[in-house]
Structures are given as C-alpha cells and as structure tokens.
C-alpha cells in the first residue's frame, strides 16, 4: 500500500512523505503503518480509532487532529491519503 502522509498547519503543508509498505487494512497492520509514518515524520503517534480506519477504507483518506494525540503537537492536522495507482493498459494499435 502506498500512502501520502501530510502534516498541515492550517492550509499550509509543513511536512510530507510517501510511505510504501506491505500492510493490509486490518487494525493491527494499520496501527503499525501509522507508527512507522509518525516515526519517519518525527511526530507523535496519534490514537487511532476504528472510525479512522473505516474512513480510510471508504474514502482513501483520514485526518487526525491535535485532540487525537496524547502529546501536544505544533500542527493542525495529520492527513493520510492512499495513493491509488492506475493499472497500465497495454498499448492498443488501430488499423
């Protein structure tokens, strides 16, 4: 799965990264992925609820606000967005 993680301050992008890993959409895998993303972005790991996972599954996007973190954070949101890759179609030739 490929995920674009964005740390936002209001409408301004503060940090971002593309994360790629072999994770499924089970809560344990999702939590492991979230911990790895937070570690690489050098931010605290948010508390992830079932609703965050459901939102990610359904809309390919989820958002964490400062209230989702145990520690104080200096940004307004952490957004995880799944990068959907289109399957390449073979070249078609018409005569």
N, C-alpha and C. Protein backbone atom coordinates (compact mmCIF):
# COMPACT_ATOMS: atom_id res chain seq x y z
N UNK A 1 0.85 -1.17 0.00
CA UNK A 1 0.00 0.00 0.00
C UNK A 1 0.90 1.24 0.00
N UNK A 2 0.50 2.23 -0.76
CA UNK A 2 1.23 3.48 -0.83
C UNK A 2 0.37 4.57 -0.22
N UNK A 3 0.95 5.34 0.73
CA UNK A 3 0.21 6.37 1.46
C UNK A 3 0.99 7.68 1.41
N UNK A 4 0.27 8.75 1.14
CA UNK A 4 0.85 10.09 1.20
C UNK A 4 0.46 10.66 2.55
N UNK A 5 1.45 10.90 3.41
CA UNK A 5 1.22 11.46 4.74
C UNK A 5 1.58 12.94 4.71
N UNK A 6 0.66 13.79 5.19
CA UNK A 6 0.87 15.23 5.16
C UNK A 6 0.65 15.82 6.55
N UNK A 7 1.61 16.59 7.02
CA UNK A 7 1.46 17.34 8.26
C UNK A 7 1.11 18.76 7.85
N UNK A 8 -0.03 19.23 8.35
CA UNK A 8 -0.55 20.53 7.92
C UNK A 8 -0.61 21.52 9.09
N UNK A 9 -0.37 22.78 8.78
CA UNK A 9 -0.61 23.88 9.72
C UNK A 9 -1.58 24.81 9.02
N UNK A 10 -2.85 24.67 9.36
CA UNK A 10 -3.89 25.38 8.62
C UNK A 10 -3.97 24.80 7.22
N UNK A 11 -3.80 25.64 6.21
CA UNK A 11 -3.81 25.18 4.82
C UNK A 11 -2.40 24.98 4.27
N UNK A 12 -1.39 25.17 5.12
CA UNK A 12 -0.01 25.08 4.66
C UNK A 12 0.57 23.70 4.96
N UNK A 13 1.21 23.14 3.95
CA UNK A 13 1.89 21.85 4.09
C UNK A 13 3.22 22.08 4.79
N UNK A 14 3.40 21.43 5.97
CA UNK A 14 4.62 21.59 6.75
C UNK A 14 5.62 20.49 6.42
N UNK A 15 5.16 19.24 6.43
CA UNK A 15 5.99 18.08 6.10
C UNK A 15 5.13 17.11 5.32
N UNK A 16 5.77 16.32 4.49
CA UNK A 16 5.03 15.25 3.83
C UNK A 16 6.00 14.15 3.43
N UNK A 17 5.45 13.00 3.14
CA UNK A 17 6.24 11.86 2.69
C UNK A 17 5.32 10.86 2.01
N UNK A 18 5.89 10.09 1.13
CA UNK A 18 5.19 8.96 0.52
C UNK A 18 5.70 7.71 1.24
N UNK A 19 4.79 6.96 1.82
CA UNK A 19 5.13 5.75 2.54
C UNK A 19 4.64 4.55 1.75
N UNK A 20 5.51 3.57 1.60
CA UNK A 20 5.13 2.36 0.88
C UNK A 20 5.46 1.16 1.75
N UNK A 21 4.51 0.24 1.88
CA UNK A 21 4.75 -0.95 2.67
C UNK A 21 3.70 -2.00 2.40
N UNK A 22 3.98 -3.21 2.83
CA UNK A 22 3.05 -4.33 2.66
C UNK A 22 2.15 -4.43 3.87
N UNK A 23 1.15 -3.59 3.92
CA UNK A 23 0.20 -3.57 5.02
C UNK A 23 -1.20 -3.81 4.48
N UNK A 24 -2.01 -4.50 5.28
CA UNK A 24 -3.41 -4.72 4.92
C UNK A 24 -4.26 -3.72 5.69
N UNK A 25 -5.54 -3.76 5.47
CA UNK A 25 -6.44 -2.84 6.16
C UNK A 25 -7.06 -3.50 7.40
N UNK A 26 -6.23 -4.23 8.14
CA UNK A 26 -6.65 -4.72 9.45
C UNK A 26 -6.16 -3.69 10.46
N UNK A 27 -6.84 -3.58 11.59
CA UNK A 27 -6.50 -2.56 12.57
C UNK A 27 -5.05 -2.69 13.04
N UNK A 28 -4.56 -3.91 13.26
CA UNK A 28 -3.18 -4.09 13.75
C UNK A 28 -2.17 -3.62 12.69
N UNK A 29 -2.39 -3.96 11.44
CA UNK A 29 -1.49 -3.51 10.36
C UNK A 29 -1.58 -2.00 10.17
N UNK A 30 -2.78 -1.47 10.24
CA UNK A 30 -2.97 -0.03 10.08
C UNK A 30 -2.24 0.72 11.19
N UNK A 31 -2.33 0.23 12.41
CA UNK A 31 -1.66 0.87 13.54
C UNK A 31 -0.15 0.81 13.37
N UNK A 32 0.36 -0.33 12.91
CA UNK A 32 1.81 -0.46 12.67
C UNK A 32 2.27 0.52 11.59
N UNK A 33 1.47 0.65 10.53
CA UNK A 33 1.79 1.58 9.46
C UNK A 33 1.79 3.02 9.99
N UNK A 34 0.81 3.36 10.80
CA UNK A 34 0.70 4.70 11.36
C UNK A 34 1.90 5.01 12.26
N UNK A 35 2.33 4.04 13.06
CA UNK A 35 3.51 4.24 13.92
C UNK A 35 4.76 4.48 13.09
N UNK A 36 4.92 3.73 12.03
CA UNK A 36 6.09 3.88 11.16
C UNK A 36 6.08 5.25 10.47
N UNK A 37 4.92 5.69 10.01
CA UNK A 37 4.80 7.01 9.36
C UNK A 37 5.13 8.11 10.36
N UNK A 38 4.58 8.03 11.56
CA UNK A 38 4.83 9.04 12.59
C UNK A 38 6.32 9.09 12.95
N UNK A 39 6.95 7.92 13.04
CA UNK A 39 8.37 7.86 13.35
C UNK A 39 9.19 8.56 12.26
N UNK A 40 8.87 8.26 11.01
CA UNK A 40 9.63 8.86 9.89
C UNK A 40 9.39 10.36 9.77
N UNK A 41 8.19 10.83 10.15
CA UNK A 41 7.91 12.26 10.11
C UNK A 41 8.39 12.97 11.37
N UNK A 42 8.87 12.21 12.34
CA UNK A 42 9.34 12.73 13.62
C UNK A 42 8.23 13.50 14.36
N UNK A 43 7.06 12.85 14.44
CA UNK A 43 5.95 13.41 15.20
C UNK A 43 5.42 12.32 16.14
N UNK A 44 4.58 12.72 17.09
CA UNK A 44 3.96 11.76 17.99
C UNK A 44 2.98 10.88 17.21
N UNK A 45 2.77 9.66 17.69
CA UNK A 45 1.81 8.76 17.06
C UNK A 45 0.42 9.06 17.61
N UNK A 46 -0.55 9.31 16.73
CA UNK A 46 -1.91 9.60 17.22
C UNK A 46 -2.62 8.33 17.70
N UNK A 47 -3.65 8.54 18.49
CA UNK A 47 -4.54 7.46 18.90
C UNK A 47 -5.44 7.18 17.71
N UNK A 48 -5.43 5.95 17.25
CA UNK A 48 -6.22 5.59 16.08
C UNK A 48 -7.46 4.82 16.51
N UNK A 49 -8.60 5.30 16.11
CA UNK A 49 -9.87 4.66 16.42
C UNK A 49 -10.36 3.85 15.22
N UNK A 50 -11.31 3.00 15.46
CA UNK A 50 -11.91 2.20 14.38
C UNK A 50 -12.48 3.12 13.30
N UNK A 51 -12.99 4.28 13.71
CA UNK A 51 -13.57 5.22 12.74
C UNK A 51 -12.51 5.76 11.77
N UNK A 52 -11.28 5.94 12.25
CA UNK A 52 -10.21 6.39 11.35
C UNK A 52 -9.95 5.35 10.27
N UNK A 53 -9.90 4.08 10.68
CA UNK A 53 -9.66 3.00 9.71
C UNK A 53 -10.82 2.89 8.73
N UNK A 54 -12.04 2.95 9.22
CA UNK A 54 -13.22 2.87 8.34
C UNK A 54 -13.22 4.01 7.33
N UNK A 55 -12.88 5.21 7.79
CA UNK A 55 -12.84 6.37 6.91
C UNK A 55 -11.75 6.18 5.85
N UNK A 56 -10.60 5.64 6.25
CA UNK A 56 -9.51 5.39 5.33
C UNK A 56 -9.90 4.35 4.29
N UNK A 57 -10.60 3.30 4.73
CA UNK A 57 -11.06 2.26 3.81
C UNK A 57 -12.07 2.81 2.80
N UNK A 58 -13.01 3.57 3.30
CA UNK A 58 -14.12 4.02 2.46
C UNK A 58 -13.75 5.17 1.52
N UNK A 59 -12.98 6.14 2.05
CA UNK A 59 -12.70 7.35 1.28
C UNK A 59 -11.24 7.48 0.85
N UNK A 60 -10.39 6.49 1.21
CA UNK A 60 -8.96 6.52 0.90
C UNK A 60 -8.25 7.70 1.54
N UNK A 61 -8.80 8.19 2.64
CA UNK A 61 -8.25 9.37 3.31
C UNK A 61 -8.75 9.40 4.74
N UNK A 62 -7.89 9.81 5.66
CA UNK A 62 -8.32 10.05 7.03
C UNK A 62 -7.50 11.19 7.60
N UNK A 63 -8.06 11.83 8.62
CA UNK A 63 -7.45 13.04 9.17
C UNK A 63 -7.37 12.92 10.69
N UNK A 64 -6.21 13.24 11.24
CA UNK A 64 -6.01 13.26 12.68
C UNK A 64 -5.83 14.71 13.12
N UNK A 65 -6.56 15.11 14.14
CA UNK A 65 -6.49 16.46 14.69
C UNK A 65 -5.67 16.44 15.97
N UNK A 66 -5.28 17.60 16.51
CA UNK A 66 -4.50 17.62 17.75
C UNK A 66 -5.16 16.85 18.90
N UNK A 67 -6.47 16.80 18.94
CA UNK A 67 -7.15 16.07 20.02
C UNK A 67 -6.94 14.55 19.93
N UNK A 68 -6.46 14.05 18.78
CA UNK A 68 -6.19 12.63 18.60
C UNK A 68 -4.79 12.23 19.09
N UNK A 69 -4.03 13.17 19.58
CA UNK A 69 -2.68 12.92 20.08
C UNK A 69 -2.66 13.07 21.60
N UNK A 70 -1.89 12.22 22.26
CA UNK A 70 -1.74 12.32 23.71
C UNK A 70 -0.83 13.50 24.03
N UNK A 71 0.24 13.65 23.27
CA UNK A 71 1.18 14.74 23.45
C UNK A 71 0.68 15.99 22.72
N UNK A 72 1.16 17.15 23.16
CA UNK A 72 0.85 18.38 22.44
C UNK A 72 1.60 18.38 21.12
N UNK A 73 0.94 18.83 20.07
CA UNK A 73 1.56 18.90 18.74
C UNK A 73 1.51 20.34 18.25
N UNK A 74 2.44 20.69 17.37
CA UNK A 74 2.51 22.06 16.87
C UNK A 74 2.01 22.18 15.43
N UNK A 75 1.05 21.34 15.08
CA UNK A 75 0.44 21.40 13.75
C UNK A 75 -1.06 21.20 13.90
N UNK A 76 -1.81 21.50 12.86
CA UNK A 76 -3.27 21.45 12.97
C UNK A 76 -3.87 20.13 12.52
N UNK A 77 -3.15 19.34 11.70
CA UNK A 77 -3.68 18.04 11.29
C UNK A 77 -2.61 17.17 10.65
N UNK A 78 -2.86 15.88 10.73
CA UNK A 78 -2.08 14.87 10.03
C UNK A 78 -3.07 14.17 9.10
N UNK A 79 -2.79 14.19 7.82
CA UNK A 79 -3.69 13.60 6.84
C UNK A 79 -2.99 12.42 6.18
N UNK A 80 -3.66 11.29 6.15
CA UNK A 80 -3.17 10.12 5.44
C UNK A 80 -4.06 9.90 4.24
N UNK A 81 -3.45 9.81 3.08
CA UNK A 81 -4.20 9.65 1.84
C UNK A 81 -3.60 8.49 1.06
N UNK A 82 -4.42 7.50 0.75
CA UNK A 82 -3.94 6.35 -0.01
C UNK A 82 -3.73 6.76 -1.46
N UNK A 83 -2.58 6.38 -2.01
CA UNK A 83 -2.26 6.67 -3.40
C UNK A 83 -2.72 5.47 -4.22
N UNK A 84 -3.71 5.70 -5.04
CA UNK A 84 -4.24 4.64 -5.88
C UNK A 84 -3.54 4.70 -7.23
N UNK A 85 -2.92 3.61 -7.57
CA UNK A 85 -2.21 3.55 -8.84
C UNK A 85 -3.10 2.90 -9.89
N UNK A 86 -3.19 3.56 -11.02
CA UNK A 86 -3.99 3.01 -12.11
C UNK A 86 -3.20 1.90 -12.78
N UNK A 87 -3.92 0.87 -13.15
CA UNK A 87 -3.27 -0.21 -13.89
C UNK A 87 -2.99 0.27 -15.30
N UNK A 88 -1.79 0.01 -15.73
CA UNK A 88 -1.42 0.43 -17.08
C UNK A 88 -2.09 -0.47 -18.10
N UNK A 89 -2.69 0.17 -19.08
CA UNK A 89 -3.33 -0.58 -20.16
C UNK A 89 -2.30 -0.82 -21.25
N UNK A 90 -2.34 -1.99 -21.84
CA UNK A 90 -1.39 -2.22 -22.94
C UNK A 90 -1.68 -1.27 -24.09
N UNK A 91 -0.64 -0.93 -24.81
CA UNK A 91 -0.81 -0.05 -25.96
C UNK A 91 -1.72 -0.73 -26.98
N UNK A 92 -2.66 0.02 -27.46
CA UNK A 92 -3.58 -0.51 -28.45
C UNK A 92 -3.30 0.17 -29.78
N UNK A 93 -3.23 -0.64 -30.78
CA UNK A 93 -2.98 -0.12 -32.11
C UNK A 93 -4.24 -0.35 -32.96
N UNK A 94 -4.62 0.68 -33.65
CA UNK A 94 -5.80 0.60 -34.51
C UNK A 94 -5.36 0.67 -35.97
N UNK A 95 -5.98 -0.13 -36.76
CA UNK A 95 -5.64 -0.15 -38.18
C UNK A 95 -6.77 0.47 -38.96
